[in-house]
Amino acid sequence: MPLPPISRATPFLAAILAVVLAACGGGGSSGTTAPGSTSAAGAVPTDDTGEEPAETLAPAGERAYFSFDSTLGRVVRVDPDGGAVDEILDIDGTAYAMTFGDGALWLGMDSGTVLRVDPAGAGLVAEIAPTSSDPLFDIAQADGAVWTLHGVPGAGTALTRIDTTTNTAGEPIKAATGISFYDVAAGDGAVWLVGTSPEKATTLYSVDPASGTITDKKVDMVIDAISVADGLVWLGGTIFPNGPVGVPGVGRYDPAADTLTTVELPQEPAAIAVGAGGVWAPVGASVDGSSLYRIDPATTKLVSTIPLGDAEGGTMRVTTGAGFVWVTTAGGDAYAVDPADDSVAGAGDTPGTLGVFFP
């Protein structure tokens, strides 16, 4: 059944920073837009009475947006079905990174502190003091630990592990001289870093969660995005399938076999996520506007390109949950894509690009 769209008539929500935790098939036909939804071209439809349809924020389902409202300095829960915005916690400072795991929201603050927030009880569980004096810029959670990156990407950086049982941080694991970390991802008992190396502009590092030992996997890519699922590491950026000349693409790194399998894409992806039956990589400035590439995780082949809207630059986010793929753009657009037929099931104004979608 078609689902209602994300509302374009809620100006307050445009000030909220959040990742919306959000066409055509391979044959090139246009994807179906749900009745009453905003089309990819951006027109606001009306129902049979000539009135705009009832406001909703996303296709129906059991889920919520947990977001950081930088304007008012608070964590909020957005009900995507009814549109209600409820304050979870009023906090000091600005959140630079946010994730969900072990039943909690984890906010990486500008001070380097990590806040553990109970989204159900709407309270602050723990305030974990930083073991680094540098600012925090990335965060990941898996397997009973939160991993944070501190410092300045491109310069000195360090990785810190927080035990989610005791809410205590260990000593920072500093990048070696000449190396800088950019992104951290965790899952399936492993931790991964994207960083520079003496040999490459960027490469993939594995981290032993127990010892903190960091190993350069010498992956031959310029990596801009990372996602971990089912024991595999998916990387978006520039690949080198035919020698020194790079092309846009996605790589699948298999740690067990120590192999990288790549697929070329028309444009370099801005983000990457795995789930809902695919690997999903959005681009903001393709020749046809903003698009979402769908890659088959089994064959590592591009199977469809889903048009989203006007071309734009800047940060894009993608994730999966509640049976949909969710994309947000820096320009203030949000899309819910149905993986069953690669149609855009809803489109509208985004609450921003920092936060989590919680199914």
Protein backbone atom coordinates (compact mmCIF):
# COMPACT_ATOMS: atom_id res chain seq x y z
CA MET A 1 0.00 0.00 0.00
CA PRO A 2 1.36 3.48 -0.81
CA LEU A 3 2.39 5.46 2.22
CA PRO A 4 1.98 9.15 3.12
CA PRO A 5 4.82 11.59 2.58
CA ILE A 6 7.12 13.50 4.85
CA SER A 7 5.57 16.89 5.49
CA ARG A 8 6.93 20.06 3.88
CA ALA A 9 4.81 22.27 6.12
CA THR A 10 6.67 22.08 9.42
CA PRO A 11 9.20 24.95 9.54
CA PHE A 12 10.17 24.26 13.15
CA LEU A 13 11.50 20.84 12.20
CA ALA A 14 13.83 22.31 9.60
CA ALA A 15 15.95 23.68 12.46
CA ILE A 16 16.47 20.25 14.00
CA LEU A 17 19.68 18.45 13.13
CA ALA A 18 19.08 14.73 12.53
CA VAL A 19 19.93 11.76 10.33
CA VAL A 20 16.66 10.43 9.03
CA LEU A 21 17.05 6.89 10.16
CA ALA A 22 15.57 7.82 4.81
CA ALA A 23 12.66 6.32 -8.80
CA CYS A 24 13.23 4.33 -11.11
CA GLY A 25 14.41 0.76 -11.59
CA GLY A 26 17.32 -0.41 -13.72
CA GLY A 27 15.15 -0.12 -16.82
CA GLY A 28 14.97 3.66 -16.47
CA SER A 29 11.23 4.07 -15.88
CA SER A 30 10.14 6.63 -13.33
CA GLY A 31 9.48 5.35 -9.82
CA THR A 32 6.03 5.60 -8.36
CA THR A 33 5.32 8.36 -5.88
CA ALA A 34 2.73 7.58 -3.24
CA PRO A 35 -0.63 9.35 -3.55
CA GLY A 36 -0.48 12.57 -1.60
CA SER A 37 3.32 12.55 -1.46
CA THR A 38 5.75 15.14 -2.75
CA SER A 39 7.27 14.15 -6.06
CA ALA A 40 11.01 14.12 -6.66
CA ALA A 41 10.59 17.34 -8.59
CA GLY A 42 9.40 19.02 -5.40
CA ALA A 43 5.76 19.85 -6.19
CA VAL A 44 3.35 19.74 -3.26
CA PRO A 45 0.31 17.68 -4.31
CA THR A 46 -3.28 18.06 -3.22
CA ASP A 47 -5.97 15.48 -2.56
CA ASP A 48 -9.28 15.17 -4.41
CA THR A 49 -10.74 18.12 -2.50
CA GLY A 50 -7.97 20.45 -3.65
CA GLU A 51 -6.51 20.64 -0.15
CA GLU A 52 -3.00 19.61 0.83
CA PRO A 53 -3.03 16.14 2.44
CA ALA A 54 -2.82 15.66 6.19
CA GLU A 55 0.68 16.22 7.51
CA THR A 56 2.89 13.29 8.35
CA LEU A 57 6.65 13.17 8.62
CA ALA A 58 7.33 9.77 7.08
CA PRO A 59 5.68 6.55 5.94
CA ALA A 60 3.80 4.85 8.75
CA GLY A 61 5.51 2.29 10.96
CA GLU A 62 6.91 1.72 14.43
CA ARG A 63 9.89 4.04 14.59
CA ALA A 64 11.10 7.44 15.80
CA TYR A 65 13.66 10.07 15.01
CA PHE A 66 15.95 10.93 17.90
CA SER A 67 17.59 14.20 16.98
CA PHE A 68 19.71 16.99 18.36
CA ASP A 69 18.15 20.42 18.09
CA SER A 70 21.14 22.75 17.91
CA THR A 71 18.97 25.86 18.03
CA LEU A 72 17.57 25.10 21.49
CA GLY A 73 20.31 22.75 22.73
CA ARG A 74 18.17 19.70 23.37
CA VAL A 75 17.61 16.10 22.35
CA VAL A 76 14.18 15.52 20.84
CA ARG A 77 12.10 12.58 19.73
CA VAL A 78 10.17 13.16 16.51
CA ASP A 79 7.08 11.03 15.94
CA PRO A 80 7.09 10.49 12.17
CA ASP A 81 3.46 9.35 12.15
CA GLY A 82 1.80 12.20 14.03
CA GLY A 83 4.51 14.82 13.72
CA ALA A 84 4.87 15.48 17.46
CA VAL A 85 8.24 16.73 18.71
CA ASP A 86 8.95 15.85 22.34
CA GLU A 87 11.95 17.07 24.29
CA ILE A 88 13.98 14.20 25.68
CA LEU A 89 16.76 16.15 27.36
CA ASP A 90 17.93 19.74 27.63
CA ILE A 91 21.73 19.83 27.41
CA ASP A 92 24.59 22.30 27.34
CA GLY A 93 26.91 22.39 24.36
CA THR A 94 26.65 21.07 20.82
CA ALA A 95 26.57 17.45 19.65
CA TYR A 96 29.05 16.73 16.86
CA ALA A 97 28.18 13.02 16.48
CA MET A 98 25.32 10.73 17.48
CA THR A 99 24.55 7.01 17.44
CA PHE A 100 22.32 4.38 19.06
CA GLY A 101 23.19 1.10 20.77
CA ASP A 102 22.72 -0.93 23.97
CA GLY A 103 19.32 0.72 24.39
CA ALA A 104 20.80 4.20 24.61
CA LEU A 105 21.51 7.28 22.56
CA TRP A 106 25.19 8.27 22.54
CA LEU A 107 26.04 11.90 21.85
CA GLY A 108 29.58 13.06 21.16
CA MET A 109 29.80 16.65 22.37
CA ASP A 110 31.97 19.56 21.26
CA SER A 111 33.80 19.34 24.60
CA GLY A 112 34.81 15.73 23.88
CA THR A 113 32.39 14.42 26.52
CA VAL A 114 30.06 11.55 25.59
CA LEU A 115 26.49 11.63 26.90
CA ARG A 116 24.51 8.42 27.40
CA VAL A 117 20.80 9.17 27.14
CA ASP A 118 17.88 6.86 27.89
CA PRO A 119 15.37 7.55 25.09
CA ALA A 120 12.54 5.75 26.91
CA GLY A 121 13.03 7.36 30.31
CA ALA A 122 14.01 10.71 28.78
CA GLY A 123 16.98 11.10 31.08
CA LEU A 124 20.73 11.42 31.19
CA VAL A 125 22.21 8.06 32.26
CA ALA A 126 25.87 9.01 32.24
CA GLU A 127 28.21 11.83 31.32
CA ILE A 128 31.49 10.23 30.32
CA ALA A 129 34.44 12.58 30.65
CA PRO A 130 36.87 12.61 27.74
CA THR A 131 40.30 11.08 28.09
CA SER A 132 41.45 13.36 25.28
CA SER A 133 41.58 17.14 25.37
CA ASP A 134 40.83 17.26 21.62
CA PRO A 135 37.33 17.74 20.16
CA LEU A 136 35.24 14.69 19.25
CA PHE A 137 34.16 14.27 15.62
CA ASP A 138 32.91 10.67 15.11
CA ILE A 139 31.27 7.91 17.13
CA ALA A 140 30.26 4.26 16.68
CA GLN A 141 28.72 1.62 18.96
CA ALA A 142 28.81 -2.19 18.85
CA ASP A 143 29.50 -5.23 21.01
CA GLY A 144 29.36 -3.51 24.40
CA ALA A 145 31.56 -0.57 23.51
CA VAL A 146 31.36 2.95 22.12
CA TRP A 147 34.28 4.09 19.97
CA THR A 148 35.04 7.78 19.51
CA LEU A 149 37.45 9.73 17.36
CA HIS A 150 39.06 12.87 18.76
CA GLY A 151 41.31 15.46 17.20
CA VAL A 152 41.33 17.15 13.82
CA PRO A 153 40.84 14.98 10.71
CA GLY A 154 43.89 15.37 8.54
CA ALA A 155 46.04 16.19 11.56
CA GLY A 156 46.50 14.53 14.95
CA THR A 157 43.71 12.07 15.87
CA ALA A 158 43.06 9.38 18.47
CA LEU A 159 40.59 6.52 19.02
CA THR A 160 38.99 5.95 22.43
CA ARG A 161 36.97 2.98 23.70
CA ILE A 162 34.13 3.44 26.20
CA ASP A 163 32.87 0.40 28.11
CA THR A 164 29.07 0.56 28.01
CA THR A 165 28.77 -1.60 31.16
CA THR A 166 30.80 0.73 33.36
CA ASN A 167 30.44 3.93 31.29
CA THR A 168 34.17 4.55 31.53
CA ALA A 169 36.61 5.56 28.82
CA GLY A 170 39.99 3.95 28.24
CA GLU A 171 43.19 5.62 27.26
CA PRO A 172 43.26 7.12 23.75
CA ILE A 173 44.92 5.10 21.00
CA LYS A 174 46.82 7.78 19.14
CA ALA A 175 47.44 7.63 15.42
CA ALA A 176 51.10 7.16 14.53
CA THR A 177 53.12 10.06 13.17
CA GLY A 178 52.03 10.91 9.64
CA ILE A 179 48.69 9.08 10.02
CA SER A 180 45.27 10.60 10.63
CA PHE A 181 41.90 8.92 11.20
CA TYR A 182 38.71 10.15 9.52
CA ASP A 183 35.89 7.68 10.27
CA VAL A 184 35.14 4.83 12.67
CA ALA A 185 32.70 1.94 12.18
CA ALA A 186 31.99 -1.08 14.36
CA GLY A 187 30.06 -4.34 14.19
CA ASP A 188 30.31 -8.13 14.14
CA GLY A 189 33.05 -8.12 16.76
CA ALA A 190 35.32 -5.81 14.81
CA VAL A 191 36.22 -2.12 14.67
CA TRP A 192 37.33 -0.33 11.51
CA LEU A 193 38.97 3.00 10.81
CA VAL A 194 39.36 5.03 7.65
CA GLY A 195 42.63 6.91 7.72
CA THR A 196 45.70 8.06 5.87
CA SER A 197 48.89 6.05 5.59
CA PRO A 198 52.49 6.69 4.45
CA GLU A 199 51.62 4.88 1.22
CA LYS A 200 48.06 5.99 0.42
CA ALA A 201 45.80 9.01 0.65
CA THR A 202 43.34 6.85 2.57
CA THR A 203 43.22 3.23 3.60
CA LEU A 204 41.30 0.85 5.86
CA TYR A 205 42.54 -0.07 9.33
CA SER A 206 41.29 -2.90 11.51
CA VAL A 207 41.30 -2.47 15.28
CA ASP A 208 41.57 -5.37 17.73
CA PRO A 209 38.80 -4.51 20.23
CA ALA A 210 40.64 -6.30 23.06
CA SER A 211 44.18 -5.00 22.63
CA GLY A 212 43.62 -1.85 20.59
CA THR A 213 46.18 -2.98 18.03
CA ILE A 214 45.67 -1.21 14.71
CA THR A 215 46.53 -2.96 11.43
CA ASP A 216 46.74 -1.34 8.00
CA LYS A 217 44.77 -3.49 5.54
CA LYS A 218 46.35 -1.60 2.60
CA VAL A 219 43.07 -1.30 0.76
CA ASP A 220 43.56 0.28 -2.66
CA MET A 221 40.82 2.95 -2.52
CA VAL A 222 40.32 6.58 -1.69
CA ILE A 223 37.64 6.06 0.96
CA ASP A 224 34.95 8.62 1.75
CA ALA A 225 32.28 6.43 3.41
CA ILE A 226 32.17 3.18 5.40
CA SER A 227 29.51 0.73 6.59
CA VAL A 228 29.82 -2.67 8.30
CA ALA A 229 27.36 -5.57 8.02
CA ASP A 230 27.38 -9.37 8.01
CA GLY A 231 31.13 -9.58 8.51
CA LEU A 232 31.89 -7.42 5.45
CA VAL A 233 33.12 -3.84 5.19
CA TRP A 234 31.56 -1.65 2.50
CA LEU A 235 33.47 1.40 1.30
CA GLY A 236 32.41 4.30 -0.90
CA GLY A 237 34.82 6.56 -2.77
CA THR A 238 37.31 6.19 -5.61
CA ILE A 239 38.38 2.76 -6.86
CA PHE A 240 41.27 1.74 -9.12
CA PRO A 241 40.11 -1.24 -11.20
CA ASN A 242 42.48 -0.63 -14.12
CA GLY A 243 45.63 0.85 -12.72
CA PRO A 244 46.49 4.32 -11.41
CA VAL A 245 43.46 6.16 -12.84
CA GLY A 246 40.66 6.30 -10.27
CA VAL A 247 36.92 6.10 -10.95
CA PRO A 248 33.92 6.51 -8.64
CA GLY A 249 32.80 3.30 -7.01
CA VAL A 250 32.04 1.08 -4.05
CA GLY A 251 34.27 -1.62 -2.61
CA ARG A 252 33.37 -4.73 -0.61
CA TYR A 253 36.23 -5.74 1.68
CA ASP A 254 36.11 -9.33 2.97
CA PRO A 255 38.28 -9.54 6.11
CA ALA A 256 38.34 -13.35 6.09
CA ALA A 257 39.76 -13.53 2.56
CA ASP A 258 41.56 -10.16 2.70
CA THR A 259 40.08 -9.25 -0.68
CA LEU A 260 38.49 -6.13 -2.15
CA THR A 261 35.75 -6.46 -4.78
CA THR A 262 34.70 -3.22 -6.48
CA VAL A 263 31.94 -1.87 -8.68
CA GLU A 264 32.19 1.32 -10.73
CA LEU A 265 29.48 3.96 -10.30
CA PRO A 266 28.55 6.98 -12.44
CA GLN A 267 29.33 9.37 -9.56
CA GLU A 268 31.25 9.14 -6.30
CA PRO A 269 28.91 8.24 -3.41
CA ALA A 270 28.54 10.65 -0.51
CA ALA A 271 27.55 7.97 2.03
CA ILE A 272 26.89 4.24 2.26
CA ALA A 273 24.59 1.91 4.21
CA VAL A 274 23.80 -1.81 4.14
CA GLY A 275 20.38 -3.32 4.85
CA ALA A 276 16.89 -3.74 3.43
CA GLY A 277 18.23 -6.16 0.83
CA GLY A 278 20.87 -3.89 -0.65
CA VAL A 279 23.89 -1.67 -0.37
CA TRP A 280 22.78 1.95 -0.74
CA ALA A 281 24.95 4.86 -1.88
CA PRO A 282 23.51 8.35 -2.46
CA VAL A 283 25.01 11.05 -4.67
CA GLY A 284 24.06 14.70 -4.56
CA ALA A 285 25.39 16.06 -7.83
CA SER A 286 24.79 13.52 -10.58
CA VAL A 287 23.82 14.61 -14.10
CA ASP A 288 20.23 13.69 -13.29
CA GLY A 289 20.16 15.36 -9.88
CA SER A 290 20.38 13.67 -6.50
CA SER A 291 20.26 9.90 -6.85
CA LEU A 292 20.47 6.71 -4.82
CA TYR A 293 22.49 3.78 -6.17
CA ARG A 294 21.40 0.28 -5.19
CA ILE A 295 24.09 -2.43 -5.23
CA ASP A 296 23.45 -6.16 -4.87
CA PRO A 297 25.49 -7.25 -1.80
CA ALA A 298 25.89 -10.79 -3.15
CA THR A 299 27.15 -9.92 -6.63
CA THR A 300 28.57 -6.43 -5.94
CA LYS A 301 26.75 -5.17 -9.05
CA LEU A 302 24.86 -1.92 -9.57
CA VAL A 303 21.23 -2.96 -10.00
CA SER A 304 19.33 0.34 -10.02
CA THR A 305 19.66 4.12 -9.91
CA ILE A 306 16.82 5.86 -8.06
CA PRO A 307 16.30 9.58 -8.80
CA LEU A 308 15.60 11.68 -5.72
CA GLY A 309 15.52 15.38 -6.58
CA ASP A 310 17.50 18.40 -7.72
CA ALA A 311 21.28 18.19 -7.75
CA GLU A 312 23.02 19.64 -4.71
CA GLY A 313 26.34 19.35 -2.91
CA GLY A 314 27.22 18.91 0.73
CA THR A 315 26.67 16.17 3.27
CA MET A 316 24.26 13.33 2.59
CA ARG A 317 23.20 10.55 4.96
CA VAL A 318 21.65 7.15 4.30
CA THR A 319 20.40 4.41 6.61
CA THR A 320 17.85 1.60 6.70
CA GLY A 321 15.08 0.79 9.14
CA ALA A 322 11.39 -0.13 9.43
CA GLY A 323 11.54 -1.67 5.96
CA PHE A 324 12.70 1.48 4.17
CA VAL A 325 15.85 3.23 3.03
CA TRP A 326 16.18 6.77 4.35
CA VAL A 327 18.20 9.56 2.72
CA THR A 328 18.75 13.13 3.87
CA THR A 329 20.61 15.90 2.05
CA ALA A 330 22.46 19.02 3.14
CA GLY A 331 19.94 21.10 1.21
CA GLY A 332 17.06 20.11 3.49
CA ASP A 333 15.42 17.25 1.59
CA ALA A 334 14.46 13.84 2.94
CA TYR A 335 13.42 10.71 1.07
CA ALA A 336 11.95 7.36 2.07
CA VAL A 337 12.67 4.69 -0.54
CA ASP A 338 10.76 1.41 -0.63
CA PRO A 339 13.29 -1.38 -1.40
CA ALA A 340 10.51 -3.66 -2.62
CA ASP A 341 10.26 -1.74 -5.91
CA ASP A 342 12.83 1.07 -5.56
CA SER A 343 10.08 3.68 -5.52
CA VAL A 344 10.23 6.93 -3.57
CA ALA A 345 7.49 6.32 -1.02
CA GLY A 346 7.76 9.77 0.56
CA ALA A 347 9.72 12.98 0.16
CA GLY A 348 9.82 16.29 1.98
CA ASP A 349 11.76 18.64 4.23
CA THR A 350 14.42 16.99 6.35
CA PRO A 351 14.90 17.59 10.06
CA GLY A 352 18.60 17.87 9.23
CA THR A 353 21.62 15.59 9.00
CA LEU A 354 22.69 14.68 12.55
CA GLY A 355 20.86 12.10 14.65
CA VAL A 356 19.52 8.55 14.51
CA PHE A 357 16.50 6.75 13.16
CA PHE A 358 15.28 4.25 15.72
CA PRO A 359 13.00 1.39 14.62
